[in-house]
């Protein structure tokens, strides 16, 4: 595997690790709100957006340091592999 392919694979895995927790939380909260709306027969669209927005914002604040550390590690790996990328 070339250096570029290795870095591309690492970047894709890191982006998945950054996005999946937020998407999972948004899905769980959205499902819970949809069930509550169906049970109460309140079909207000803005009511479903606010809980998801708050949950994703809180999750981003909690997982933020982990994400920044992951991005910093990827950046260090890219800088270390620049000679391999340039030489081909």
N, C-alpha and C. Protein backbone atom coordinates (compact mmCIF):
# COMPACT_ATOMS: atom_id res chain seq x y z
N UNK A 1 0.85 -1.17 0.00
CA UNK A 1 0.00 0.00 0.00
C UNK A 1 0.90 1.24 0.00
N UNK A 2 0.56 2.17 -0.87
CA UNK A 2 1.38 3.38 -0.96
C UNK A 2 1.09 4.30 0.22
N UNK A 3 1.95 5.30 0.37
CA UNK A 3 1.80 6.25 1.48
C UNK A 3 0.51 7.04 1.35
N UNK A 4 0.17 7.41 0.12
CA UNK A 4 -1.06 8.18 -0.09
C UNK A 4 -2.30 7.35 0.25
N UNK A 5 -2.31 6.09 -0.16
CA UNK A 5 -3.45 5.23 0.13
C UNK A 5 -3.60 5.00 1.63
N UNK A 6 -2.48 4.87 2.33
CA UNK A 6 -2.52 4.71 3.78
C UNK A 6 -3.07 5.94 4.47
N UNK A 7 -2.64 7.11 4.02
CA UNK A 7 -3.15 8.35 4.60
C UNK A 7 -4.63 8.55 4.27
N UNK A 8 -5.02 8.21 3.06
CA UNK A 8 -6.42 8.33 2.67
C UNK A 8 -7.30 7.41 3.51
N UNK A 9 -6.84 6.19 3.71
CA UNK A 9 -7.58 5.24 4.54
C UNK A 9 -7.70 5.75 5.97
N UNK A 10 -6.62 6.27 6.52
CA UNK A 10 -6.63 6.79 7.89
C UNK A 10 -7.56 8.01 8.00
N UNK A 11 -7.57 8.86 6.99
CA UNK A 11 -8.44 10.04 7.01
C UNK A 11 -9.91 9.62 6.95
N UNK A 12 -10.24 8.62 6.14
CA UNK A 12 -11.62 8.15 6.05
C UNK A 12 -12.07 7.51 7.36
N UNK A 13 -11.20 6.73 7.98
CA UNK A 13 -11.54 6.13 9.27
C UNK A 13 -11.72 7.19 10.35
N UNK A 14 -10.86 8.19 10.35
CA UNK A 14 -10.97 9.27 11.33
C UNK A 14 -12.24 10.07 11.14
N UNK A 15 -12.61 10.33 9.90
CA UNK A 15 -13.85 11.07 9.65
C UNK A 15 -15.07 10.24 10.07
N UNK A 16 -15.01 8.94 9.88
CA UNK A 16 -16.11 8.09 10.35
C UNK A 16 -16.19 8.09 11.87
N UNK A 17 -15.04 8.05 12.54
CA UNK A 17 -15.03 8.10 14.00
C UNK A 17 -15.55 9.43 14.53
N UNK A 18 -15.35 10.49 13.78
CA UNK A 18 -15.84 11.80 14.20
C UNK A 18 -17.34 11.94 13.97
N UNK A 19 -17.85 11.39 12.88
CA UNK A 19 -19.25 11.59 12.50
C UNK A 19 -20.22 10.60 13.13
N UNK A 20 -19.80 9.37 13.30
CA UNK A 20 -20.74 8.33 13.74
C UNK A 20 -21.36 8.59 15.11
N UNK A 21 -20.61 9.03 16.13
CA UNK A 21 -21.29 9.30 17.41
C UNK A 21 -22.36 10.39 17.30
N UNK A 22 -22.09 11.44 16.55
CA UNK A 22 -23.06 12.51 16.40
C UNK A 22 -24.28 12.04 15.61
N UNK A 23 -24.05 11.27 14.57
CA UNK A 23 -25.18 10.74 13.79
C UNK A 23 -26.02 9.77 14.61
N UNK A 24 -25.37 8.95 15.43
CA UNK A 24 -26.10 8.00 16.26
C UNK A 24 -26.96 8.72 17.29
N UNK A 25 -26.41 9.75 17.90
CA UNK A 25 -27.17 10.52 18.89
C UNK A 25 -28.34 11.23 18.23
N UNK A 26 -28.11 11.83 17.08
CA UNK A 26 -29.20 12.50 16.37
C UNK A 26 -30.29 11.50 15.98
N UNK A 27 -29.92 10.31 15.59
CA UNK A 27 -30.90 9.29 15.22
C UNK A 27 -31.72 8.84 16.42
N UNK A 28 -31.05 8.60 17.54
CA UNK A 28 -31.76 8.14 18.73
C UNK A 28 -32.71 9.22 19.24
N UNK A 29 -32.23 10.46 19.31
CA UNK A 29 -33.08 11.55 19.79
C UNK A 29 -34.23 11.79 18.81
N UNK A 30 -33.96 11.75 17.52
CA UNK A 30 -35.02 11.93 16.53
C UNK A 30 -36.08 10.86 16.61
N UNK A 31 -35.66 9.63 16.84
CA UNK A 31 -36.62 8.54 16.98
C UNK A 31 -37.47 8.70 18.23
N UNK A 32 -36.82 9.09 19.34
CA UNK A 32 -37.57 9.30 20.58
C UNK A 32 -38.59 10.43 20.43
N UNK A 33 -38.20 11.51 19.78
CA UNK A 33 -39.12 12.63 19.58
C UNK A 33 -40.25 12.22 18.64
N UNK A 34 -39.95 11.45 17.62
CA UNK A 34 -40.99 11.00 16.69
C UNK A 34 -42.01 10.10 17.39
N UNK A 35 -41.52 9.23 18.27
CA UNK A 35 -42.43 8.36 19.03
C UNK A 35 -43.31 9.20 19.95
N UNK A 36 -42.69 10.18 20.62
CA UNK A 36 -43.46 11.06 21.51
C UNK A 36 -44.48 11.87 20.72
N UNK A 37 -44.12 12.34 19.54
CA UNK A 37 -45.05 13.10 18.71
C UNK A 37 -46.20 12.22 18.22
N UNK A 38 -45.89 10.98 17.87
CA UNK A 38 -46.94 10.07 17.41
C UNK A 38 -47.88 9.72 18.55
N UNK A 39 -47.33 9.58 19.76
CA UNK A 39 -48.17 9.23 20.90
C UNK A 39 -49.09 10.38 21.30
N UNK A 40 -48.59 11.61 21.19
CA UNK A 40 -49.39 12.77 21.60
C UNK A 40 -50.13 13.42 20.44
N UNK A 41 -49.89 12.96 19.24
CA UNK A 41 -50.49 13.49 18.02
C UNK A 41 -50.19 14.97 17.81
N UNK A 42 -49.02 15.40 18.25
CA UNK A 42 -48.55 16.77 18.01
C UNK A 42 -47.55 16.68 16.87
N UNK A 43 -47.86 17.21 15.72
CA UNK A 43 -47.01 17.09 14.54
C UNK A 43 -46.38 18.43 14.18
N UNK A 44 -45.69 19.01 15.10
CA UNK A 44 -45.02 20.29 14.87
C UNK A 44 -43.57 20.02 14.46
N UNK A 45 -43.16 20.53 13.31
CA UNK A 45 -41.83 20.26 12.78
C UNK A 45 -40.73 20.91 13.61
N UNK A 46 -41.00 22.11 14.11
CA UNK A 46 -39.97 22.79 14.89
C UNK A 46 -39.73 22.10 16.22
N UNK A 47 -40.72 21.39 16.72
CA UNK A 47 -40.58 20.67 17.98
C UNK A 47 -39.58 19.53 17.86
N UNK A 48 -39.46 18.95 16.70
CA UNK A 48 -38.52 17.84 16.52
C UNK A 48 -37.09 18.32 16.28
N UNK A 49 -36.93 19.55 15.84
CA UNK A 49 -35.58 20.04 15.52
C UNK A 49 -34.80 20.43 16.77
N UNK A 50 -35.44 21.09 17.72
CA UNK A 50 -34.73 21.62 18.89
C UNK A 50 -34.07 20.53 19.73
N UNK A 51 -34.74 19.43 20.08
CA UNK A 51 -34.04 18.40 20.87
C UNK A 51 -32.84 17.81 20.15
N UNK A 52 -32.98 17.59 18.83
CA UNK A 52 -31.85 17.05 18.07
C UNK A 52 -30.70 18.03 18.05
N UNK A 53 -31.01 19.31 17.86
CA UNK A 53 -29.98 20.34 17.82
C UNK A 53 -29.24 20.42 19.15
N UNK A 54 -29.98 20.39 20.24
CA UNK A 54 -29.36 20.45 21.57
C UNK A 54 -28.53 19.19 21.85
N UNK A 55 -29.05 18.03 21.49
CA UNK A 55 -28.32 16.78 21.75
C UNK A 55 -27.03 16.71 20.93
N UNK A 56 -27.10 17.10 19.67
CA UNK A 56 -25.90 17.06 18.83
C UNK A 56 -24.90 18.12 19.29
N UNK A 57 -25.38 19.27 19.69
CA UNK A 57 -24.47 20.30 20.21
C UNK A 57 -23.77 19.86 21.48
N UNK A 58 -24.51 19.22 22.39
CA UNK A 58 -23.90 18.71 23.61
C UNK A 58 -22.90 17.60 23.31
N UNK A 59 -23.26 16.71 22.39
CA UNK A 59 -22.35 15.63 22.01
C UNK A 59 -21.08 16.18 21.36
N UNK A 60 -21.24 17.21 20.54
CA UNK A 60 -20.06 17.81 19.91
C UNK A 60 -19.16 18.46 20.95
N UNK A 61 -19.76 19.06 21.98
CA UNK A 61 -18.95 19.64 23.05
C UNK A 61 -18.24 18.57 23.86
N UNK A 62 -18.91 17.44 24.07
CA UNK A 62 -18.29 16.35 24.84
C UNK A 62 -17.21 15.64 24.04
N UNK A 63 -17.50 15.33 22.76
CA UNK A 63 -16.54 14.61 21.92
C UNK A 63 -15.54 15.53 21.23
N UNK A 64 -15.63 16.83 21.45
CA UNK A 64 -14.74 17.79 20.81
C UNK A 64 -13.26 17.56 21.07
N UNK A 65 -12.86 17.40 22.34
CA UNK A 65 -11.43 17.16 22.59
C UNK A 65 -10.91 15.88 21.94
N UNK A 66 -11.73 14.83 21.94
CA UNK A 66 -11.35 13.59 21.27
C UNK A 66 -11.16 13.81 19.77
N UNK A 67 -12.09 14.56 19.17
CA UNK A 67 -12.00 14.84 17.74
C UNK A 67 -10.79 15.68 17.39
N UNK A 68 -10.50 16.66 18.22
CA UNK A 68 -9.32 17.50 17.97
C UNK A 68 -8.03 16.69 18.11
N UNK A 69 -7.99 15.79 19.07
CA UNK A 69 -6.82 14.93 19.24
C UNK A 69 -6.66 14.02 18.03
N UNK A 70 -7.76 13.49 17.54
CA UNK A 70 -7.73 12.62 16.36
C UNK A 70 -7.23 13.38 15.13
N UNK A 71 -7.72 14.61 14.95
CA UNK A 71 -7.28 15.44 13.83
C UNK A 71 -5.82 15.82 13.95
N UNK A 72 -5.37 16.10 15.17
CA UNK A 72 -3.96 16.45 15.38
C UNK A 72 -3.06 15.27 15.07
N UNK A 73 -3.47 14.07 15.46
CA UNK A 73 -2.68 12.88 15.15
C UNK A 73 -2.60 12.65 13.64
N UNK A 74 -3.72 12.83 12.96
CA UNK A 74 -3.72 12.68 11.51
C UNK A 74 -2.81 13.71 10.86
N UNK A 75 -2.85 14.94 11.34
CA UNK A 75 -1.99 15.99 10.80
C UNK A 75 -0.52 15.65 11.02
N UNK A 76 -0.18 15.12 12.19
CA UNK A 76 1.21 14.72 12.45
C UNK A 76 1.63 13.59 11.52
N UNK A 77 0.75 12.63 11.28
CA UNK A 77 1.08 11.53 10.36
C UNK A 77 1.30 12.05 8.94
N UNK A 78 0.48 13.00 8.53
CA UNK A 78 0.63 13.57 7.19
C UNK A 78 1.98 14.29 7.09
N UNK A 79 2.32 15.07 8.11
CA UNK A 79 3.60 15.78 8.08
C UNK A 79 4.79 14.82 8.08
N UNK A 80 4.67 13.71 8.80
CA UNK A 80 5.75 12.73 8.84
C UNK A 80 5.91 12.01 7.50
N UNK A 81 4.83 11.87 6.76
CA UNK A 81 4.87 11.11 5.50
C UNK A 81 5.03 11.98 4.27
N UNK A 82 5.26 13.26 4.46
CA UNK A 82 5.47 14.14 3.29
C UNK A 82 6.63 13.66 2.43
N UNK A 83 7.78 13.29 3.00
CA UNK A 83 8.87 12.80 2.12
C UNK A 83 8.48 11.58 1.29
N UNK A 84 7.69 10.67 1.88
CA UNK A 84 7.25 9.49 1.12
C UNK A 84 6.29 9.89 0.01
N UNK A 85 5.43 10.87 0.28
CA UNK A 85 4.47 11.31 -0.72
C UNK A 85 5.14 12.04 -1.88
N UNK A 86 6.15 12.82 -1.57
CA UNK A 86 6.83 13.60 -2.61
C UNK A 86 7.70 12.70 -3.47
N UNK A 87 8.39 11.75 -2.84
CA UNK A 87 9.30 10.89 -3.61
C UNK A 87 8.53 9.89 -4.48
N UNK A 88 7.28 9.64 -4.13
CA UNK A 88 6.46 8.76 -4.96
C UNK A 88 6.51 7.39 -4.43
